[in-house]
Amino acid sequence: MKFSFVFFCLITTAVMAHHGPQHQVKALSERISEKPSSALLTLRATLYLEEGNVEAAKKDLTQALEINANYQLAKKLIDKIK
């Protein structure tokens, strides 16, 4: 769990360095297509939520939990938007 959080923070910092949410979503989508992870999908879901795209966020969070059913951040976010 601690490793997941640290990994999530590092990825967040790297992705957020890009400008604009659409560019961030695109960059994350490329990384997800190479190697999907709960952290990447949850991060993209947060960007979708910022844009108001709740359905895309739900899809990503559901997929994140399919990869790791114990990923707490995805659980918390999906519970908030249900």
PDB file of N, CA and C in Angstrom:
ATOM      1  N   MET A   1       0.827  -1.188   0.000  1.00  0.00           N
ATOM      2  CA  MET A   1       0.000   0.000   0.000  1.00  0.00           C
ATOM      3  C   MET A   1       0.872   1.254   0.000  1.00  0.00           C
ATOM      4  N   LYS A   2       1.889   1.293   0.856  1.00  0.00           N
ATOM      5  CA  LYS A   2       2.758   2.455   0.924  1.00  0.00           C
ATOM      6  C   LYS A   2       3.469   2.674  -0.406  1.00  0.00           C
ATOM      7  N   PHE A   3       3.928   1.581  -1.028  1.00  0.00           N
ATOM      8  CA  PHE A   3       4.587   1.680  -2.322  1.00  0.00           C
ATOM      9  C   PHE A   3       3.625   2.247  -3.362  1.00  0.00           C
ATOM     10  N   SER A   4       2.368   1.783  -3.353  1.00  0.00           N
ATOM     11  CA  SER A   4       1.383   2.264  -4.316  1.00  0.00           C
ATOM     12  C   SER A   4       1.191   3.761  -4.191  1.00  0.00           C
ATOM     13  N   PHE A   5       1.121   4.257  -2.962  1.00  0.00           N
ATOM     14  CA  PHE A   5       0.922   5.686  -2.754  1.00  0.00           C
ATOM     15  C   PHE A   5       2.122   6.472  -3.263  1.00  0.00           C
ATOM     16  N   VAL A   6       3.307   6.015  -2.967  1.00  0.00           N
ATOM     17  CA  VAL A   6       4.518   6.699  -3.426  1.00  0.00           C
ATOM     18  C   VAL A   6       4.572   6.687  -4.948  1.00  0.00           C
ATOM     19  N   PHE A   7       4.279   5.551  -5.546  1.00  0.00           N
ATOM     20  CA  PHE A   7       4.256   5.423  -6.994  1.00  0.00           C
ATOM     21  C   PHE A   7       3.235   6.391  -7.588  1.00  0.00           C
ATOM     22  N   PHE A   8       2.052   6.445  -6.975  1.00  0.00           N
ATOM     23  CA  PHE A   8       0.994   7.331  -7.442  1.00  0.00           C
ATOM     24  C   PHE A   8       1.458   8.784  -7.387  1.00  0.00           C
ATOM     25  N   CYS A   9       2.113   9.167  -6.311  1.00  0.00           N
ATOM     26  CA  CYS A   9       2.608  10.544  -6.167  1.00  0.00           C
ATOM     27  C   CYS A   9       3.652  10.873  -7.223  1.00  0.00           C
ATOM     28  N   LEU A  10       4.552   9.961  -7.476  1.00  0.00           N
ATOM     29  CA  LEU A  10       5.581  10.200  -8.488  1.00  0.00           C
ATOM     30  C   LEU A  10       4.975  10.346  -9.872  1.00  0.00           C
ATOM     31  N   ILE A  11       4.036   9.498 -10.185  1.00  0.00           N
ATOM     32  CA  ILE A  11       3.385   9.568 -11.497  1.00  0.00           C
ATOM     33  C   ILE A  11       2.579  10.849 -11.611  1.00  0.00           C
ATOM     34  N   THR A  12       1.892  11.211 -10.538  1.00  0.00           N
ATOM     35  CA  THR A  12       1.100  12.434 -10.542  1.00  0.00           C
ATOM     36  C   THR A  12       1.986  13.629 -10.856  1.00  0.00           C
ATOM     37  N   THR A  13       3.127  13.705 -10.217  1.00  0.00           N
ATOM     38  CA  THR A  13       4.045  14.812 -10.431  1.00  0.00           C
ATOM     39  C   THR A  13       4.521  14.841 -11.883  1.00  0.00           C
ATOM     40  N   ALA A  14       4.865  13.701 -12.415  1.00  0.00           N
ATOM     41  CA  ALA A  14       5.362  13.634 -13.795  1.00  0.00           C
ATOM     42  C   ALA A  14       4.287  14.031 -14.793  1.00  0.00           C
ATOM     43  N   VAL A  15       3.078  13.546 -14.590  1.00  0.00           N
ATOM     44  CA  VAL A  15       2.003  13.826 -15.541  1.00  0.00           C
ATOM     45  C   VAL A  15       1.535  15.268 -15.420  1.00  0.00           C
ATOM     46  N   MET A  16       1.444  15.777 -14.214  1.00  0.00           N
ATOM     47  CA  MET A  16       0.942  17.129 -14.006  1.00  0.00           C
ATOM     48  C   MET A  16       1.907  18.187 -14.527  1.00  0.00           C
ATOM     49  N   ALA A  17       3.120  17.791 -14.841  1.00  0.00           N
ATOM     50  CA  ALA A  17       4.080  18.738 -15.388  1.00  0.00           C
ATOM     51  C   ALA A  17       3.647  19.208 -16.771  1.00  0.00           C
ATOM     52  N   HIS A  18       2.830  18.417 -17.452  1.00  0.00           N
ATOM     53  CA  HIS A  18       2.302  18.800 -18.759  1.00  0.00           C
ATOM     54  C   HIS A  18       1.189  19.821 -18.566  1.00  0.00           C
ATOM     55  N   HIS A  19       0.932  20.592 -19.588  1.00  0.00           N
ATOM     56  CA  HIS A  19      -0.086  21.633 -19.489  1.00  0.00           C
ATOM     57  C   HIS A  19      -1.423  21.131 -20.013  1.00  0.00           C
ATOM     58  N   GLY A  20      -2.493  21.498 -19.309  1.00  0.00           N
ATOM     59  CA  GLY A  20      -3.853  21.214 -19.737  1.00  0.00           C
ATOM     60  C   GLY A  20      -4.293  19.796 -19.464  1.00  0.00           C
ATOM     61  N   PRO A  21      -5.526  19.646 -18.969  1.00  0.00           N
ATOM     62  CA  PRO A  21      -6.042  18.311 -18.633  1.00  0.00           C
ATOM     63  C   PRO A  21      -6.131  17.378 -19.840  1.00  0.00           C
ATOM     64  N   GLN A  22      -6.466  17.928 -21.006  1.00  0.00           N
ATOM     65  CA  GLN A  22      -6.577  17.064 -22.186  1.00  0.00           C
ATOM     66  C   GLN A  22      -5.225  16.477 -22.570  1.00  0.00           C
ATOM     67  N   HIS A  23      -4.180  17.270 -22.433  1.00  0.00           N
ATOM     68  CA  HIS A  23      -2.837  16.769 -22.718  1.00  0.00           C
ATOM     69  C   HIS A  23      -2.444  15.717 -21.678  1.00  0.00           C
ATOM     70  N   GLN A  24      -2.824  15.963 -20.432  1.00  0.00           N
ATOM     71  CA  GLN A  24      -2.526  15.025 -19.358  1.00  0.00           C
ATOM     72  C   GLN A  24      -3.242  13.702 -19.580  1.00  0.00           C
ATOM     73  N   VAL A  25      -4.510  13.774 -19.987  1.00  0.00           N
ATOM     74  CA  VAL A  25      -5.276  12.557 -20.271  1.00  0.00           C
ATOM     75  C   VAL A  25      -4.624  11.787 -21.411  1.00  0.00           C
ATOM     76  N   LYS A  26      -4.210  12.511 -22.442  1.00  0.00           N
ATOM     77  CA  LYS A  26      -3.564  11.856 -23.589  1.00  0.00           C
ATOM     78  C   LYS A  26      -2.272  11.162 -23.167  1.00  0.00           C
ATOM     79  N   ALA A  27      -1.451  11.851 -22.366  1.00  0.00           N
ATOM     80  CA  ALA A  27      -0.188  11.264 -21.912  1.00  0.00           C
ATOM     81  C   ALA A  27      -0.445  10.026 -21.048  1.00  0.00           C
ATOM     82  N   LEU A  28      -1.430  10.118 -20.176  1.00  0.00           N
ATOM     83  CA  LEU A  28      -1.763   8.958 -19.342  1.00  0.00           C
ATOM     84  C   LEU A  28      -2.304   7.810 -20.179  1.00  0.00           C
ATOM     85  N   SER A  29      -3.123   8.124 -21.143  1.00  0.00           N
ATOM     86  CA  SER A  29      -3.704   7.082 -22.001  1.00  0.00           C
ATOM     87  C   SER A  29      -2.617   6.299 -22.714  1.00  0.00           C
ATOM     88  N   GLU A  30      -1.588   7.001 -23.166  1.00  0.00           N
ATOM     89  CA  GLU A  30      -0.467   6.324 -23.826  1.00  0.00           C
ATOM     90  C   GLU A  30       0.237   5.384 -22.858  1.00  0.00           C
ATOM     91  N   ARG A  31       0.466   5.854 -21.637  1.00  0.00           N
ATOM     92  CA  ARG A  31       1.135   5.008 -20.636  1.00  0.00           C
ATOM     93  C   ARG A  31       0.265   3.827 -20.248  1.00  0.00           C
ATOM     94  N   ILE A  32      -1.040   4.058 -20.130  1.00  0.00           N
ATOM     95  CA  ILE A  32      -1.970   2.989 -19.769  1.00  0.00           C
ATOM     96  C   ILE A  32      -2.023   1.938 -20.859  1.00  0.00           C
ATOM     97  N   SER A  33      -1.972   2.371 -22.121  1.00  0.00           N
ATOM     98  CA  SER A  33      -2.013   1.394 -23.213  1.00  0.00           C
ATOM     99  C   SER A  33      -0.769   0.509 -23.216  1.00  0.00           C
ATOM    100  N   GLU A  34       0.356   1.052 -22.746  1.00  0.00           N
ATOM    101  CA  GLU A  34       1.591   0.272 -22.666  1.00  0.00           C
ATOM    102  C   GLU A  34       1.575  -0.696 -21.487  1.00  0.00           C
ATOM    103  N   LYS A  35       1.127  -0.199 -20.335  1.00  0.00           N
ATOM    104  CA  LYS A  35       1.117  -1.031 -19.136  1.00  0.00           C
ATOM    105  C   LYS A  35       0.077  -0.488 -18.156  1.00  0.00           C
ATOM    106  N   PRO A  36      -1.132  -1.018 -18.220  1.00  0.00           N
ATOM    107  CA  PRO A  36      -2.184  -0.529 -17.320  1.00  0.00           C
ATOM    108  C   PRO A  36      -1.842  -0.805 -15.856  1.00  0.00           C
ATOM    109  N   SER A  37      -2.172   0.152 -15.011  1.00  0.00           N
ATOM    110  CA  SER A  37      -1.997  -0.033 -13.570  1.00  0.00           C
ATOM    111  C   SER A  37      -3.123   0.697 -12.851  1.00  0.00           C
ATOM    112  N   SER A  38      -3.394   0.268 -11.638  1.00  0.00           N
ATOM    113  CA  SER A  38      -4.432   0.919 -10.839  1.00  0.00           C
ATOM    114  C   SER A  38      -4.097   2.385 -10.609  1.00  0.00           C
ATOM    115  N   ALA A  39      -2.829   2.676 -10.363  1.00  0.00           N
ATOM    116  CA  ALA A  39      -2.416   4.060 -10.102  1.00  0.00           C
ATOM    117  C   ALA A  39      -2.656   4.954 -11.316  1.00  0.00           C
ATOM    118  N   LEU A  40      -2.263   4.503 -12.490  1.00  0.00           N
ATOM    119  CA  LEU A  40      -2.443   5.306 -13.700  1.00  0.00           C
ATOM    120  C   LEU A  40      -3.923   5.500 -14.021  1.00  0.00           C
ATOM    121  N   LEU A  41      -4.684   4.437 -13.913  1.00  0.00           N
ATOM    122  CA  LEU A  41      -6.118   4.538 -14.201  1.00  0.00           C
ATOM    123  C   LEU A  41      -6.829   5.454 -13.213  1.00  0.00           C
ATOM    124  N   THR A  42      -6.425   5.400 -11.956  1.00  0.00           N
ATOM    125  CA  THR A  42      -7.032   6.264 -10.947  1.00  0.00           C
ATOM    126  C   THR A  42      -6.652   7.719 -11.198  1.00  0.00           C
ATOM    127  N   LEU A  43      -5.431   7.949 -11.579  1.00  0.00           N
ATOM    128  CA  LEU A  43      -5.004   9.303 -11.896  1.00  0.00           C
ATOM    129  C   LEU A  43      -5.794   9.855 -13.084  1.00  0.00           C
ATOM    130  N   ARG A  44      -5.955   9.052 -14.124  1.00  0.00           N
ATOM    131  CA  ARG A  44      -6.727   9.515 -15.282  1.00  0.00           C
ATOM    132  C   ARG A  44      -8.175   9.757 -14.890  1.00  0.00           C
ATOM    133  N   ALA A  45      -8.699   8.919 -14.004  1.00  0.00           N
ATOM    134  CA  ALA A  45     -10.071   9.108 -13.529  1.00  0.00           C
ATOM    135  C   ALA A  45     -10.223  10.462 -12.836  1.00  0.00           C
ATOM    136  N   THR A  46      -9.226  10.857 -12.057  1.00  0.00           N
ATOM    137  CA  THR A  46      -9.317  12.159 -11.385  1.00  0.00           C
ATOM    138  C   THR A  46      -9.323  13.299 -12.403  1.00  0.00           C
ATOM    139  N   LEU A  47      -8.579  13.148 -13.471  1.00  0.00           N
ATOM    140  CA  LEU A  47      -8.598  14.161 -14.526  1.00  0.00           C
ATOM    141  C   LEU A  47      -9.946  14.194 -15.225  1.00  0.00           C
ATOM    142  N   TYR A  48     -10.509  13.023 -15.484  1.00  0.00           N
ATOM    143  CA  TYR A  48     -11.849  12.972 -16.079  1.00  0.00           C
ATOM    144  C   TYR A  48     -12.864  13.654 -15.172  1.00  0.00           C
ATOM    145  N   LEU A  49     -12.755  13.429 -13.872  1.00  0.00           N
ATOM    146  CA  LEU A  49     -13.680  14.067 -12.937  1.00  0.00           C
ATOM    147  C   LEU A  49     -13.531  15.581 -12.965  1.00  0.00           C
ATOM    148  N   GLU A  50     -12.311  16.066 -13.064  1.00  0.00           N
ATOM    149  CA  GLU A  50     -12.076  17.507 -13.163  1.00  0.00           C
ATOM    150  C   GLU A  50     -12.741  18.094 -14.403  1.00  0.00           C
ATOM    151  N   GLU A  51     -12.800  17.293 -15.466  1.00  0.00           N
ATOM    152  CA  GLU A  51     -13.429  17.744 -16.711  1.00  0.00           C
ATOM    153  C   GLU A  51     -14.943  17.536 -16.689  1.00  0.00           C
ATOM    154  N   GLY A  52     -15.450  16.850 -15.667  1.00  0.00           N
ATOM    155  CA  GLY A  52     -16.878  16.569 -15.588  1.00  0.00           C
ATOM    156  C   GLY A  52     -17.300  15.306 -16.310  1.00  0.00           C
ATOM    157  N   ASN A  53     -16.340  14.489 -16.707  1.00  0.00           N
ATOM    158  CA  ASN A  53     -16.624  13.251 -17.432  1.00  0.00           C
ATOM    159  C   ASN A  53     -16.728  12.094 -16.436  1.00  0.00           C
ATOM    160  N   VAL A  54     -17.869  12.016 -15.766  1.00  0.00           N
ATOM    161  CA  VAL A  54     -18.072  11.044 -14.697  1.00  0.00           C
ATOM    162  C   VAL A  54     -18.075   9.615 -15.230  1.00  0.00           C
ATOM    163  N   GLU A  55     -18.675   9.403 -16.381  1.00  0.00           N
ATOM    164  CA  GLU A  55     -18.754   8.037 -16.930  1.00  0.00           C
ATOM    165  C   GLU A  55     -17.369   7.483 -17.255  1.00  0.00           C
ATOM    166  N   ALA A  56     -16.512   8.299 -17.841  1.00  0.00           N
ATOM    167  CA  ALA A  56     -15.147   7.846 -18.144  1.00  0.00           C
ATOM    168  C   ALA A  56     -14.386   7.579 -16.846  1.00  0.00           C
ATOM    169  N   ALA A  57     -14.615   8.411 -15.840  1.00  0.00           N
ATOM    170  CA  ALA A  57     -13.957   8.210 -14.546  1.00  0.00           C
ATOM    171  C   ALA A  57     -14.401   6.897 -13.919  1.00  0.00           C
ATOM    172  N   LYS A  58     -15.696   6.613 -13.953  1.00  0.00           N
ATOM    173  CA  LYS A  58     -16.212   5.352 -13.404  1.00  0.00           C
ATOM    174  C   LYS A  58     -15.591   4.157 -14.119  1.00  0.00           C
ATOM    175  N   LYS A  59     -15.475   4.254 -15.424  1.00  0.00           N
ATOM    176  CA  LYS A  59     -14.893   3.160 -16.210  1.00  0.00           C
ATOM    177  C   LYS A  59     -13.441   2.909 -15.783  1.00  0.00           C
ATOM    178  N   ASP A  60     -12.668   3.980 -15.655  1.00  0.00           N
ATOM    179  CA  ASP A  60     -11.267   3.832 -15.249  1.00  0.00           C
ATOM    180  C   ASP A  60     -11.148   3.292 -13.831  1.00  0.00           C
ATOM    181  N   LEU A  61     -11.977   3.783 -12.920  1.00  0.00           N
ATOM    182  CA  LEU A  61     -11.907   3.312 -11.537  1.00  0.00           C
ATOM    183  C   LEU A  61     -12.317   1.847 -11.429  1.00  0.00           C
ATOM    184  N   THR A  62     -13.310   1.457 -12.217  1.00  0.00           N
ATOM    185  CA  THR A  62     -13.723   0.048 -12.237  1.00  0.00           C
ATOM    186  C   THR A  62     -12.584  -0.827 -12.736  1.00  0.00           C
ATOM    187  N   GLN A  63     -11.920  -0.380 -13.793  1.00  0.00           N
ATOM    188  CA  GLN A  63     -10.785  -1.142 -14.336  1.00  0.00           C
ATOM    189  C   GLN A  63      -9.629  -1.169 -13.330  1.00  0.00           C
ATOM    190  N   ALA A  64      -9.400  -0.060 -12.636  1.00  0.00           N
ATOM    191  CA  ALA A  64      -8.339  -0.012 -11.622  1.00  0.00           C
ATOM    192  C   ALA A  64      -8.599  -1.044 -10.535  1.00  0.00           C
ATOM    193  N   LEU A  65      -9.858  -1.177 -10.136  1.00  0.00           N
ATOM    194  CA  LEU A  65     -10.200  -2.145  -9.091  1.00  0.00           C
ATOM    195  C   LEU A  65     -10.193  -3.584  -9.610  1.00  0.00           C
ATOM    196  N   GLU A  66     -10.368  -3.774 -10.903  1.00  0.00           N
ATOM    197  CA  GLU A  66     -10.227  -5.114 -11.487  1.00  0.00           C
ATOM    198  C   GLU A  66      -8.759  -5.544 -11.427  1.00  0.00           C
ATOM    199  N   ILE A  67      -7.859  -4.602 -11.619  1.00  0.00           N
ATOM    200  CA  ILE A  67      -6.427  -4.903 -11.543  1.00  0.00           C
ATOM    201  C   ILE A  67      -6.013  -5.154 -10.102  1.00  0.00           C
ATOM    202  N   ASN A  68      -6.497  -4.291  -9.205  1.00  0.00           N
ATOM    203  CA  ASN A  68      -6.146  -4.425  -7.793  1.00  0.00           C
ATOM    204  C   ASN A  68      -7.373  -4.051  -6.960  1.00  0.00           C
ATOM    205  N   ALA A  69      -8.083  -5.055  -6.502  1.00  0.00           N
ATOM    206  CA  ALA A  69      -9.335  -4.846  -5.760  1.00  0.00           C
ATOM    207  C   ALA A  69      -9.113  -4.127  -4.435  1.00  0.00           C
ATOM    208  N   ASN A  70      -7.884  -4.051  -3.978  1.00  0.00           N
ATOM    209  CA  ASN A  70      -7.580  -3.403  -2.703  1.00  0.00           C
ATOM    210  C   ASN A  70      -7.001  -1.996  -2.860  1.00  0.00           C
ATOM    211  N   TYR A  71      -7.051  -1.448  -4.048  1.00  0.00           N
ATOM    212  CA  TYR A  71      -6.485  -0.114  -4.279  1.00  0.00           C
ATOM    213  C   TYR A  71      -7.413   0.927  -3.654  1.00  0.00           C
ATOM    214  N   GLN A  72      -7.004   1.419  -2.488  1.00  0.00           N
ATOM    215  CA  GLN A  72      -7.863   2.246  -1.642  1.00  0.00           C
ATOM    216  C   GLN A  72      -8.292   3.562  -2.291  1.00  0.00           C
ATOM    217  N   LEU A  73      -7.409   4.217  -2.996  1.00  0.00           N
ATOM    218  CA  LEU A  73      -7.766   5.491  -3.606  1.00  0.00           C
ATOM    219  C   LEU A  73      -8.881   5.309  -4.639  1.00  0.00           C
ATOM    220  N   ALA A  74      -8.789   4.254  -5.438  1.00  0.00           N
ATOM    221  CA  ALA A  74      -9.843   3.978  -6.425  1.00  0.00           C
ATOM    222  C   ALA A  74     -11.155   3.663  -5.716  1.00  0.00           C
ATOM    223  N   LYS A  75     -11.083   2.901  -4.638  1.00  0.00           N
ATOM    224  CA  LYS A  75     -12.297   2.584  -3.862  1.00  0.00           C
ATOM    225  C   LYS A  75     -12.962   3.850  -3.345  1.00  0.00           C
ATOM    226  N   LYS A  76     -12.158   4.739  -2.775  1.00  0.00           N
ATOM    227  CA  LYS A  76     -12.700   5.980  -2.213  1.00  0.00           C
ATOM    228  C   LYS A  76     -13.337   6.852  -3.282  1.00  0.00           C
ATOM    229  N   LEU A  77     -12.666   6.977  -4.414  1.00  0.00           N
ATOM    230  CA  LEU A  77     -13.199   7.827  -5.477  1.00  0.00           C
ATOM    231  C   LEU A  77     -14.475   7.260  -6.072  1.00  0.00           C
ATOM    232  N   ILE A  78     -14.508   5.962  -6.301  1.00  0.00           N
ATOM    233  CA  ILE A  78     -15.701   5.379  -6.909  1.00  0.00           C
ATOM    234  C   ILE A  78     -16.892   5.456  -5.962  1.00  0.00           C
ATOM    235  N   ASP A  79     -16.624   5.337  -4.660  1.00  0.00           N
ATOM    236  CA  ASP A  79     -17.693   5.481  -3.679  1.00  0.00           C
ATOM    237  C   ASP A  79     -18.258   6.901  -3.675  1.00  0.00           C
ATOM    238  N   LYS A  80     -17.411   7.882  -3.900  1.00  0.00           N
ATOM    239  CA  LYS A  80     -17.849   9.287  -3.917  1.00  0.00           C
ATOM    240  C   LYS A  80     -18.732   9.614  -5.112  1.00  0.00           C
ATOM    241  N   ILE A  81     -18.479   8.966  -6.240  1.00  0.00           N
ATOM    242  CA  ILE A  81     -19.228   9.326  -7.451  1.00  0.00           C
ATOM    243  C   ILE A  81     -20.402   8.415  -7.770  1.00  0.00           C
ATOM    244  N   LYS A  82     -20.600   7.409  -6.961  1.00  0.00           N
ATOM    245  CA  LYS A  82     -21.742   6.500  -7.202  1.00  0.00           C
ATOM    246  C   LYS A  82     -23.033   7.186  -6.895  1.00  0.00           C
TER     247      LYS A  82
END
